[in-house]
């Protein structure tokens, strides 16, 4: 018993370290893009780049939704057919991007060529969700970590290279689109291309839509302030706000590893995992907020350069917003894993309320907009927590666990391959 426990603990620790390193690499590259952009682009183009990255993240949530749905289904039922929902996800996302991106280009004053290249880059990212989900659901966390790093190198590494070489906004996105396609091909090979059991139930398209809608709502509510800053603030103030959101995203995604490791267990009804995940994420968020209070000027300087140091007094607002949304991200994943109905509803309501408040009442300044975003994050976290944390009934828990055990043959160990 003791040897088995130590083996599992070592496996979780190794997986955690691997995914953490990959997450640091992913987020590091994501943050290098706006940081490098701040040094190579004028404020107006920097704001355009940040806005494009936000749109790409929103469009790419279909990838995260597909990954979550595949991972949850895989954790419950083992290897199952995911070809049809994957193809439908890619096609639907492509059609939506073809409609929405031109509108965004017009309303947000973005270059048409850059918007088109963003669409190509995003499609490669969306397709990658299927193979990342298979690795996550199988708890092959070492390969998952490698796949995450590989996709980030294609998604962000190409843009970073383009900026460093002086390619400007459009040239950098062109390089990113090319490298993203190459990364997708390598990811398919990395996953091993395993087949599926004939007796396993096929992943329902509805599950992908539910997970995708929840992830989309999560990112829309967390990126809404950046998009509204682009719309309502003067160019210099919008550039300052774009630098501040680097801190928001840092606090939001820094504890991502906790959710990645916890998701397969949440899919099998482990409520203690949810409590532990929330505790770890809350501790990480508190540390980041404290750091932003002590060294806000340094944080803004590192994120955007010396020009933005004076805005460091706003750092705690941005960091606290990200920390609260990190908790929301865990809670939303838990509700999706538990097959909750309409898990994204509170997030859409929060987004609508925030947009209305900014358009009608909130002053169009950096501190006012950042404060409104913080209040929205706090209310969203409270409401989502009330919905996700109540203990399930014994009957519900037994049903989930029985389904998971029957579908996986009792499988629940880490696979470090």
Protein backbone atom coordinates (compact mmCIF):
# COMPACT_ATOMS: atom_id res chain seq x y z
CA UNK A 1 0.00 0.00 0.00
CA UNK A 2 2.73 2.48 1.04
CA UNK A 3 4.84 1.71 -2.03
CA UNK A 4 1.84 2.15 -4.33
CA UNK A 5 0.95 5.49 -2.72
CA UNK A 6 4.53 6.74 -3.07
CA UNK A 7 4.57 5.65 -6.70
CA UNK A 8 1.37 7.54 -7.46
CA UNK A 9 2.62 10.61 -5.60
CA UNK A 10 5.85 10.53 -7.58
CA UNK A 11 3.89 10.17 -10.81
CA UNK A 12 1.68 13.14 -9.97
CA UNK A 13 4.72 15.17 -8.98
CA UNK A 14 6.55 14.37 -12.20
CA UNK A 15 3.45 15.13 -14.25
CA UNK A 16 2.94 18.38 -12.37
CA UNK A 17 6.50 19.50 -12.96
CA UNK A 18 6.33 18.62 -16.65
CA UNK A 19 3.03 20.41 -17.25
CA UNK A 20 4.21 23.36 -15.16
CA UNK A 21 7.36 23.74 -17.21
CA UNK A 22 5.30 23.48 -20.40
CA UNK A 23 2.81 26.00 -19.05
CA UNK A 24 5.60 28.43 -18.17
CA UNK A 25 6.97 28.01 -21.68
CA UNK A 26 3.53 28.53 -23.25
CA UNK A 27 2.69 31.59 -21.18
CA UNK A 28 6.22 32.91 -21.44
CA UNK A 29 6.03 32.91 -25.22
CA UNK A 30 2.53 34.43 -25.06
CA UNK A 31 3.85 37.28 -22.91
CA UNK A 32 6.95 37.79 -25.03
CA UNK A 33 4.71 38.72 -27.97
CA UNK A 34 3.22 41.91 -26.46
CA UNK A 35 6.45 42.68 -24.58
CA UNK A 36 8.47 42.49 -27.80
CA UNK A 37 5.69 44.29 -29.64
CA UNK A 38 5.93 47.18 -27.16
CA UNK A 39 9.56 47.60 -28.16
CA UNK A 40 9.16 47.19 -31.92
CA UNK A 41 5.74 48.71 -32.65
CA UNK A 42 4.25 52.18 -32.09
CA UNK A 43 1.45 52.44 -29.49
CA UNK A 44 -1.36 52.22 -32.06
CA UNK A 45 0.05 49.02 -33.62
CA UNK A 46 0.80 47.61 -30.17
CA UNK A 47 -2.85 48.04 -29.25
CA UNK A 48 -3.82 46.40 -32.57
CA UNK A 49 -1.51 43.45 -31.84
CA UNK A 50 -2.94 43.02 -28.33
CA UNK A 51 -6.46 43.19 -29.75
CA UNK A 52 -5.63 40.59 -32.42
CA UNK A 53 -4.15 38.30 -29.78
CA UNK A 54 -7.32 38.67 -27.73
CA UNK A 55 -9.47 37.85 -30.77
CA UNK A 56 -7.25 34.88 -31.54
CA UNK A 57 -7.59 33.63 -27.97
CA UNK A 58 -11.37 33.98 -28.16
CA UNK A 59 -11.49 32.23 -31.54
CA UNK A 60 -9.15 29.54 -30.28
CA UNK A 61 -11.37 28.60 -27.35
CA UNK A 62 -12.91 26.01 -29.65
CA UNK A 63 -9.58 24.22 -29.28
CA UNK A 64 -9.77 24.32 -25.49
CA UNK A 65 -13.42 23.27 -25.55
CA UNK A 66 -12.56 20.34 -27.83
CA UNK A 67 -9.64 19.40 -25.61
CA UNK A 68 -11.75 19.48 -22.44
CA UNK A 69 -14.58 17.45 -24.00
CA UNK A 70 -12.20 14.84 -25.39
CA UNK A 71 -10.27 14.65 -22.10
CA UNK A 72 -13.42 14.21 -19.99
CA UNK A 73 -14.85 11.59 -22.36
CA UNK A 74 -11.51 9.78 -22.50
CA UNK A 75 -11.17 9.74 -18.71
CA UNK A 76 -14.64 8.17 -18.35
CA UNK A 77 -14.75 5.77 -21.30
CA UNK A 78 -11.21 5.20 -22.53
CA UNK A 79 -10.31 5.38 -26.22
CA UNK A 80 -13.34 6.51 -28.22
CA UNK A 81 -14.09 7.85 -31.69
CA UNK A 82 -13.57 11.64 -31.83
CA UNK A 83 -13.22 12.14 -35.60
CA UNK A 84 -16.70 13.49 -36.30
CA UNK A 85 -16.89 16.06 -33.47
CA UNK A 86 -13.35 17.19 -34.29
CA UNK A 87 -14.22 17.80 -37.94
CA UNK A 88 -17.45 19.59 -37.02
CA UNK A 89 -15.62 21.79 -34.52
CA UNK A 90 -13.06 22.85 -37.11
CA UNK A 91 -15.67 23.54 -39.80
CA UNK A 92 -18.02 25.50 -37.54
CA UNK A 93 -15.13 27.56 -36.17
CA UNK A 94 -13.94 28.34 -39.69
CA UNK A 95 -17.40 29.56 -40.71
CA UNK A 96 -17.75 31.71 -37.60
CA UNK A 97 -14.33 33.27 -38.12
CA UNK A 98 -15.16 34.01 -41.75
CA UNK A 99 -18.15 36.04 -40.57
CA UNK A 100 -16.84 37.62 -37.37
CA UNK A 101 -13.27 38.61 -38.21
CA UNK A 102 -14.18 41.05 -41.02
CA UNK A 103 -16.67 42.72 -38.67
CA UNK A 104 -14.01 42.98 -35.99
CA UNK A 105 -11.55 44.44 -38.49
CA UNK A 106 -14.03 47.17 -39.38
CA UNK A 107 -15.26 47.99 -35.89
CA UNK A 108 -11.86 47.83 -34.16
CA UNK A 109 -9.89 49.45 -37.00
CA UNK A 110 -7.61 46.45 -37.64
CA UNK A 111 -5.58 45.72 -40.82
CA UNK A 112 -7.40 43.27 -43.09
CA UNK A 113 -4.31 41.20 -43.96
CA UNK A 114 -3.39 40.79 -40.30
CA UNK A 115 -6.94 39.65 -39.50
CA UNK A 116 -6.88 37.05 -42.30
CA UNK A 117 -3.54 35.65 -41.11
CA UNK A 118 -4.90 35.48 -37.58
CA UNK A 119 -7.75 33.30 -38.88
CA UNK A 120 -5.32 30.81 -40.47
CA UNK A 121 -3.24 30.63 -37.30
CA UNK A 122 -6.34 30.06 -35.18
CA UNK A 123 -7.59 27.14 -37.28
CA UNK A 124 -4.40 25.17 -36.68
CA UNK A 125 -4.76 25.79 -32.95
CA UNK A 126 -8.40 24.63 -32.96
CA UNK A 127 -7.59 21.33 -34.66
CA UNK A 128 -4.81 20.65 -32.15
CA UNK A 129 -7.34 20.45 -29.30
CA UNK A 130 -8.35 16.91 -30.24
CA UNK A 131 -4.88 15.41 -29.76
CA UNK A 132 -4.11 17.41 -26.63
CA UNK A 133 -7.41 16.18 -25.16
CA UNK A 134 -6.55 12.55 -25.88
CA UNK A 135 -3.20 12.91 -24.11
CA UNK A 136 -4.81 14.69 -21.15
CA UNK A 137 -7.70 12.22 -20.77
CA UNK A 138 -5.28 9.29 -20.89
CA UNK A 139 -3.17 11.07 -18.24
CA UNK A 140 -0.13 10.90 -20.49
CA UNK A 141 1.03 14.16 -18.97
CA UNK A 142 4.64 14.03 -20.15
CA UNK A 143 3.56 13.84 -23.78
CA UNK A 144 0.85 16.39 -23.08
CA UNK A 145 3.49 18.78 -21.77
CA UNK A 146 5.56 18.22 -24.90
CA UNK A 147 2.49 18.82 -27.08
CA UNK A 148 1.64 22.04 -25.25
CA UNK A 149 5.17 23.34 -25.74
CA UNK A 150 5.18 22.32 -29.39
CA UNK A 151 1.92 24.09 -30.14
CA UNK A 152 3.07 27.23 -28.30
CA UNK A 153 6.28 27.27 -30.31
CA UNK A 154 4.20 27.29 -33.47
CA UNK A 155 1.48 29.64 -32.25
CA UNK A 156 3.61 32.29 -30.55
CA UNK A 157 7.19 31.45 -31.51
CA UNK A 158 6.63 32.39 -35.13
CA UNK A 159 5.14 35.76 -34.16
CA UNK A 160 8.05 36.41 -31.80
CA UNK A 161 10.54 35.58 -34.56
CA UNK A 162 8.71 37.86 -36.96
CA UNK A 163 8.77 40.77 -34.51
CA UNK A 164 12.43 40.23 -33.67
CA UNK A 165 13.32 40.25 -37.38
CA UNK A 166 11.40 43.48 -37.96
CA UNK A 167 8.50 41.94 -39.84
CA UNK A 168 6.00 44.30 -38.28
CA UNK A 169 2.42 43.40 -37.43
CA UNK A 170 1.43 41.60 -40.65
CA UNK A 171 4.77 39.91 -41.32
CA UNK A 172 4.92 38.50 -37.80
CA UNK A 173 1.44 37.01 -38.07
CA UNK A 174 2.37 35.43 -41.42
CA UNK A 175 5.31 33.63 -39.83
CA UNK A 176 3.06 32.56 -36.94
CA UNK A 177 0.47 31.08 -39.32
CA UNK A 178 3.14 28.98 -41.07
CA UNK A 179 4.74 27.69 -37.87
CA UNK A 180 1.35 26.84 -36.36
CA UNK A 181 0.56 24.52 -39.27
CA UNK A 182 3.90 22.78 -38.86
CA UNK A 183 3.36 22.38 -35.12
CA UNK A 184 -0.04 20.73 -35.71
CA UNK A 185 1.50 18.10 -37.99
CA UNK A 186 4.16 17.29 -35.40
CA UNK A 187 1.56 17.09 -32.61
CA UNK A 188 -0.41 14.43 -34.49
CA UNK A 189 2.73 12.31 -34.68
CA UNK A 190 3.51 12.91 -31.02
CA UNK A 191 0.09 11.63 -29.91
CA UNK A 192 0.81 8.26 -31.49
CA UNK A 193 -2.37 8.15 -33.56
CA UNK A 194 -3.96 5.48 -31.34
CA UNK A 195 -7.23 3.92 -32.49
CA UNK A 196 -10.39 3.54 -30.43
CA UNK A 197 -12.36 0.72 -28.84
CA UNK A 198 -15.41 -0.39 -30.81
CA UNK A 199 -17.44 -0.69 -27.59
CA UNK A 200 -16.64 2.82 -26.35
CA UNK A 201 -19.42 5.40 -26.84
CA UNK A 202 -18.69 8.07 -29.44
CA UNK A 203 -18.01 11.55 -28.14
CA UNK A 204 -21.20 13.56 -28.56
CA UNK A 205 -20.97 16.82 -30.47
CA UNK A 206 -23.12 18.41 -27.77
CA UNK A 207 -20.38 17.78 -25.20
CA UNK A 208 -17.90 19.67 -27.37
CA UNK A 209 -20.35 22.54 -27.80
CA UNK A 210 -20.97 22.74 -24.05
CA UNK A 211 -17.26 22.76 -23.22
CA UNK A 212 -16.54 25.18 -26.05
CA UNK A 213 -19.29 27.56 -24.98
CA UNK A 214 -18.04 27.53 -21.39
CA UNK A 215 -14.46 28.20 -22.47
CA UNK A 216 -15.58 30.91 -24.88
CA UNK A 217 -17.57 32.61 -22.13
CA UNK A 218 -14.56 32.37 -19.83
CA UNK A 219 -12.27 34.13 -22.25
CA UNK A 220 -14.83 36.65 -23.45
CA UNK A 221 -15.50 37.86 -19.92
CA UNK A 222 -11.76 38.00 -19.13
CA UNK A 223 -10.84 39.78 -22.39
CA UNK A 224 -13.85 42.11 -22.59
CA UNK A 225 -12.03 44.93 -20.80
CA UNK A 226 -9.14 44.85 -23.29
CA UNK A 227 -11.51 45.00 -26.26
CA UNK A 228 -13.50 47.82 -24.71
CA UNK A 229 -10.28 49.68 -23.91
CA UNK A 230 -9.39 49.50 -27.60
CA UNK A 231 -12.83 50.89 -28.45
CA UNK A 232 -13.24 53.68 -25.88
CA UNK A 233 -9.79 54.79 -24.68
CA UNK A 234 -7.40 57.10 -26.55
CA UNK A 235 -4.48 55.28 -28.28
CA UNK A 236 -1.89 55.97 -25.56
CA UNK A 237 -4.28 54.95 -22.77
CA UNK A 238 -5.31 51.83 -24.74
CA UNK A 239 -1.63 50.91 -25.04
CA UNK A 240 -1.20 51.30 -21.28
CA UNK A 241 -4.25 49.12 -20.66
CA UNK A 242 -2.88 46.50 -23.06
CA UNK A 243 0.31 46.31 -20.97
CA UNK A 244 -1.78 45.99 -17.79
CA UNK A 245 -3.67 43.03 -19.20
CA UNK A 246 -0.35 41.18 -19.48
CA UNK A 247 -0.45 41.06 -15.67
CA UNK A 248 -4.09 39.93 -15.76
CA UNK A 249 -3.28 37.05 -18.06
CA UNK A 250 -0.24 36.15 -15.97
CA UNK A 251 -2.37 35.76 -12.86
CA UNK A 252 -5.06 33.93 -14.83
CA UNK A 253 -2.86 31.33 -16.51
CA UNK A 254 0.00 30.91 -14.00
CA UNK A 255 -1.86 28.16 -12.03
CA UNK A 256 -3.20 26.48 -15.19
CA UNK A 257 -1.30 23.27 -14.39
CA UNK A 258 -3.64 22.64 -11.44
CA UNK A 259 -6.69 22.45 -13.69
CA UNK A 260 -4.90 20.34 -16.31
CA UNK A 261 -3.91 17.69 -13.77
CA UNK A 262 -7.24 17.79 -11.93
CA UNK A 263 -9.62 17.52 -14.90
CA UNK A 264 -9.48 13.72 -15.46
CA UNK A 265 -10.20 13.18 -11.76
CA UNK A 266 -12.99 15.75 -11.76
CA UNK A 267 -14.54 13.80 -14.64
CA UNK A 268 -14.73 10.79 -12.31
CA UNK A 269 -16.53 12.73 -9.57
CA UNK A 270 -13.64 13.43 -7.17
CA UNK A 271 -14.90 16.39 -5.11
CA UNK A 272 -11.78 16.55 -2.91
CA UNK A 273 -9.76 17.28 -6.03
CA UNK A 274 -11.90 20.37 -6.66
CA UNK A 275 -11.31 21.73 -3.15
CA UNK A 276 -7.57 21.10 -3.42
CA UNK A 277 -7.40 22.74 -6.84
CA UNK A 278 -9.23 25.84 -5.64
CA UNK A 279 -6.93 26.13 -2.63
CA UNK A 280 -3.78 25.95 -4.75
CA UNK A 281 -5.07 28.44 -7.31
CA UNK A 282 -6.19 30.88 -4.60
CA UNK A 283 -2.76 30.73 -2.94
CA UNK A 284 -1.00 31.39 -6.25
CA UNK A 285 -3.31 34.33 -6.97
CA UNK A 286 -2.75 35.87 -3.55
CA UNK A 287 1.02 35.68 -4.03
CA UNK A 288 0.83 37.37 -7.42
CA UNK A 289 -1.42 40.16 -6.14
CA UNK A 290 0.96 40.80 -3.25
CA UNK A 291 3.90 40.93 -5.64
CA UNK A 292 2.06 43.45 -7.83
CA UNK A 293 1.42 45.65 -4.79
CA UNK A 294 5.09 45.64 -3.84
CA UNK A 295 6.57 46.02 -7.33
CA UNK A 296 3.86 47.34 -9.66
CA UNK A 297 6.17 49.76 -11.44
CA UNK A 298 8.70 47.02 -12.12
CA UNK A 299 5.95 44.74 -13.41
CA UNK A 300 4.74 47.35 -15.89
CA UNK A 301 8.32 48.10 -16.92
CA UNK A 302 9.03 44.44 -17.61
CA UNK A 303 5.74 44.01 -19.45
CA UNK A 304 5.90 47.12 -21.63
CA UNK A 305 9.18 48.94 -21.21
CA UNK A 306 10.25 52.11 -19.37
CA UNK A 307 7.51 54.20 -20.99
CA UNK A 308 4.84 52.37 -18.95
CA UNK A 309 6.56 52.33 -15.53
CA UNK A 310 4.45 55.20 -14.17
CA UNK A 311 1.30 53.12 -14.63
CA UNK A 312 2.55 50.58 -12.07
CA UNK A 313 0.11 51.91 -9.47
CA UNK A 314 -2.64 50.11 -11.38
CA UNK A 315 -0.86 46.73 -11.24
CA UNK A 316 -2.84 45.29 -8.27
CA UNK A 317 -6.13 45.91 -10.10
CA UNK A 318 -5.02 43.88 -13.10
CA UNK A 319 -3.38 41.11 -11.05
CA UNK A 320 -6.40 40.70 -8.76
CA UNK A 321 -8.73 40.47 -11.76
CA UNK A 322 -6.63 37.67 -13.23
CA UNK A 323 -6.42 35.84 -9.91
CA UNK A 324 -10.21 35.83 -9.55
CA UNK A 325 -10.71 34.59 -13.09
CA UNK A 326 -8.21 31.78 -12.41
CA UNK A 327 -10.63 30.55 -9.73
CA UNK A 328 -13.53 30.88 -12.16
CA UNK A 329 -11.59 28.78 -14.70
CA UNK A 330 -11.26 25.91 -12.20
CA UNK A 331 -14.93 26.12 -11.27
CA UNK A 332 -16.10 26.17 -14.88
CA UNK A 333 -13.98 23.13 -15.73
CA UNK A 334 -15.46 21.34 -12.72
CA UNK A 335 -19.01 22.09 -13.87
CA UNK A 336 -18.24 20.89 -17.42
CA UNK A 337 -16.63 17.71 -16.05
CA UNK A 338 -19.76 17.09 -13.96
CA UNK A 339 -21.97 17.46 -17.08
CA UNK A 340 -23.76 20.48 -15.59
CA UNK A 341 -26.43 22.15 -17.71
CA UNK A 342 -25.58 25.60 -19.05
CA UNK A 343 -22.29 25.98 -17.14
CA UNK A 344 -21.45 29.14 -19.08
CA UNK A 345 -24.65 31.06 -18.27
CA UNK A 346 -23.23 33.10 -15.33
CA UNK A 347 -20.27 34.18 -17.46
CA UNK A 348 -22.41 35.47 -20.33
CA UNK A 349 -24.57 37.40 -17.87
CA UNK A 350 -21.46 38.95 -16.29
CA UNK A 351 -20.09 39.92 -19.69
CA UNK A 352 -23.33 41.59 -20.73
CA UNK A 353 -23.53 43.52 -17.44
CA UNK A 354 -19.91 44.65 -17.76
CA UNK A 355 -20.33 45.87 -21.33
CA UNK A 356 -23.51 47.78 -20.46
CA UNK A 357 -21.81 49.35 -17.44
CA UNK A 358 -18.80 50.49 -19.47
CA UNK A 359 -20.90 51.87 -22.32
CA UNK A 360 -23.37 53.70 -20.06
CA UNK A 361 -21.76 54.57 -16.71
CA UNK A 362 -18.08 53.73 -16.20
CA UNK A 363 -15.73 56.67 -16.98
CA UNK A 364 -13.48 55.95 -19.94
CA UNK A 365 -10.17 56.00 -18.09
CA UNK A 366 -7.62 53.28 -17.30
CA UNK A 367 -8.29 53.06 -13.53
CA UNK A 368 -12.08 53.21 -13.90
CA UNK A 369 -12.17 50.48 -16.54
CA UNK A 370 -9.74 48.30 -14.56
CA UNK A 371 -11.84 48.70 -11.40
CA UNK A 372 -15.02 47.76 -13.25
CA UNK A 373 -13.26 44.65 -14.60
CA UNK A 374 -12.17 43.70 -11.06
CA UNK A 375 -15.70 44.04 -9.68
CA UNK A 376 -17.04 41.91 -12.54
CA UNK A 377 -14.44 39.22 -11.83
CA UNK A 378 -15.31 39.17 -8.12
CA UNK A 379 -19.05 38.82 -8.73
CA UNK A 380 -18.48 36.14 -11.40
CA UNK A 381 -16.25 34.10 -9.07
CA UNK A 382 -18.80 34.30 -6.25
CA UNK A 383 -21.76 33.22 -8.38
CA UNK A 384 -19.86 30.42 -10.14
CA UNK A 385 -18.56 29.15 -6.81
CA UNK A 386 -22.07 29.00 -5.37
CA UNK A 387 -23.14 26.85 -8.32
CA UNK A 388 -20.12 24.52 -8.39
CA UNK A 389 -19.25 23.94 -4.75
CA UNK A 390 -22.45 22.49 -3.18
CA UNK A 391 -21.90 18.79 -2.48
CA UNK A 392 -23.50 16.41 -4.93
CA UNK A 393 -26.00 13.92 -3.63
CA UNK A 394 -24.80 10.41 -2.90
CA UNK A 395 -26.87 9.11 -5.81
CA UNK A 396 -25.32 11.55 -8.29
CA UNK A 397 -21.81 10.80 -7.12
CA UNK A 398 -22.41 7.05 -7.33
CA UNK A 399 -23.75 7.41 -10.87
CA UNK A 400 -20.73 9.37 -12.05
CA UNK A 401 -18.25 7.01 -10.44
CA UNK A 402 -20.02 3.93 -11.73
CA UNK A 403 -20.03 5.31 -15.26
CA UNK A 404 -16.37 6.21 -15.03
CA UNK A 405 -15.37 2.80 -13.69
CA UNK A 406 -17.41 0.91 -16.28
CA UNK A 407 -16.04 3.01 -19.12
CA UNK A 408 -12.40 2.84 -18.11
CA UNK A 409 -12.24 -0.58 -16.56
CA UNK A 410 -11.18 0.96 -13.27
CA UNK A 411 -8.38 2.86 -15.01
CA UNK A 412 -7.14 5.82 -13.01
CA UNK A 413 -3.36 5.80 -12.94
CA UNK A 414 -0.93 8.18 -14.56
CA UNK A 415 0.76 7.11 -17.77
CA UNK A 416 4.16 8.79 -18.08
CA UNK A 417 4.81 7.89 -21.70
